[in-house]
Each structure stands twice: as structure tokens, then as C-alpha cells.
Protein backbone atom coordinates (compact mmCIF):
# COMPACT_ATOMS: atom_id res chain seq x y z
CA MET A 1 31.70 6.46 -26.91
CA LYS A 2 30.33 3.32 -25.98
CA LYS A 3 28.86 4.94 -22.72
CA LEU A 4 27.54 8.00 -24.62
CA LEU A 5 25.64 5.21 -27.10
CA MET A 6 24.40 3.10 -23.72
CA ILE A 7 22.93 6.58 -22.42
CA VAL A 8 21.28 7.67 -25.67
CA PHE A 9 20.00 4.25 -26.05
CA THR A 10 18.81 3.97 -22.39
CA VAL A 11 17.38 7.31 -22.86
CA ILE A 12 15.18 6.56 -25.79
CA LEU A 13 13.99 3.23 -24.00
CA ASN A 14 12.83 4.77 -21.42
CA VAL A 15 10.94 7.73 -23.25
CA GLY A 16 9.24 4.51 -25.53
CA ILE A 17 8.17 2.71 -22.41
CA PHE A 18 6.85 5.79 -20.16
CA SER A 19 5.66 7.97 -22.98
CA CYS A 20 2.12 6.37 -23.61
CA ASN A 21 0.17 6.90 -20.57
CA PRO A 22 -3.37 5.57 -20.54
CA GLU A 23 -5.98 7.90 -18.73
CA SER A 24 -5.94 7.73 -15.23
CA LEU A 25 -8.71 6.03 -13.59
CA THR A 26 -9.43 9.02 -11.52
CA GLU A 27 -9.57 11.47 -14.21
CA ASN A 28 -12.49 9.41 -16.12
CA PRO A 29 -13.92 7.10 -12.84
CA GLN A 30 -16.18 4.34 -14.56
CA ILE A 31 -19.50 4.27 -14.56
CA GLU A 32 -20.76 1.24 -12.96
CA GLN A 33 -23.12 -0.57 -15.28
CA SER A 34 -25.63 -3.97 -15.05
CA CYS A 35 -25.51 -6.62 -17.22
CA CYS A 36 -27.42 -6.29 -20.85
CA GLY A 37 -27.51 -2.59 -20.82
CA GLU A 38 -30.27 -2.28 -18.05
CA MET A 39 -30.13 0.33 -15.54
CA ALA A 40 -30.45 -1.54 -12.33
CA GLU A 41 -28.76 -0.89 -9.20
CA ILE A 42 -25.65 -3.38 -8.63
CA PRO A 43 -26.54 -5.40 -5.53
CA PRO A 44 -23.31 -5.26 -3.09
CA PRO A 45 -20.96 -8.00 -2.62
CA PRO A 46 -21.60 -10.78 -0.31
CA PRO A 47 -20.03 -10.78 2.92
CA PRO A 48 -16.62 -12.52 3.71
CA PRO A 49 -16.90 -15.84 5.29
CA ASP A 50 -16.91 -15.80 9.17
CA GLY A 51 -14.17 -18.79 9.05
CA LEU A 52 -11.20 -16.85 7.99
């Protein structure tokens, strides 16, 4: 009987943890926006240092 209760508890715990999935980033890609509501183009990041 204890094994059955542990299995039921484990299933309920897994359903609770994995049932709420946030929206995937591939479904709704984020649109990059500049600061303060401006619609200017975002500059690329600086190149990595040569010393590495």
C-alpha cells in the first residue's frame, strides 16, 4: 500500500511541476527594441578581446 501511495504522490508531483510550461521562445520570438521606446537599430556587440 505504501508503494502505491508513493507512486501516486510522485505522479501528482511530476504533473504539478511539469504541467505549466511557459511559451516557447521559438513560437513567439522576441522583437529587439532600443531603449526608451525608440525604434533605432541596435548596434552589434563589440568583438571579443584578442588576448584570449
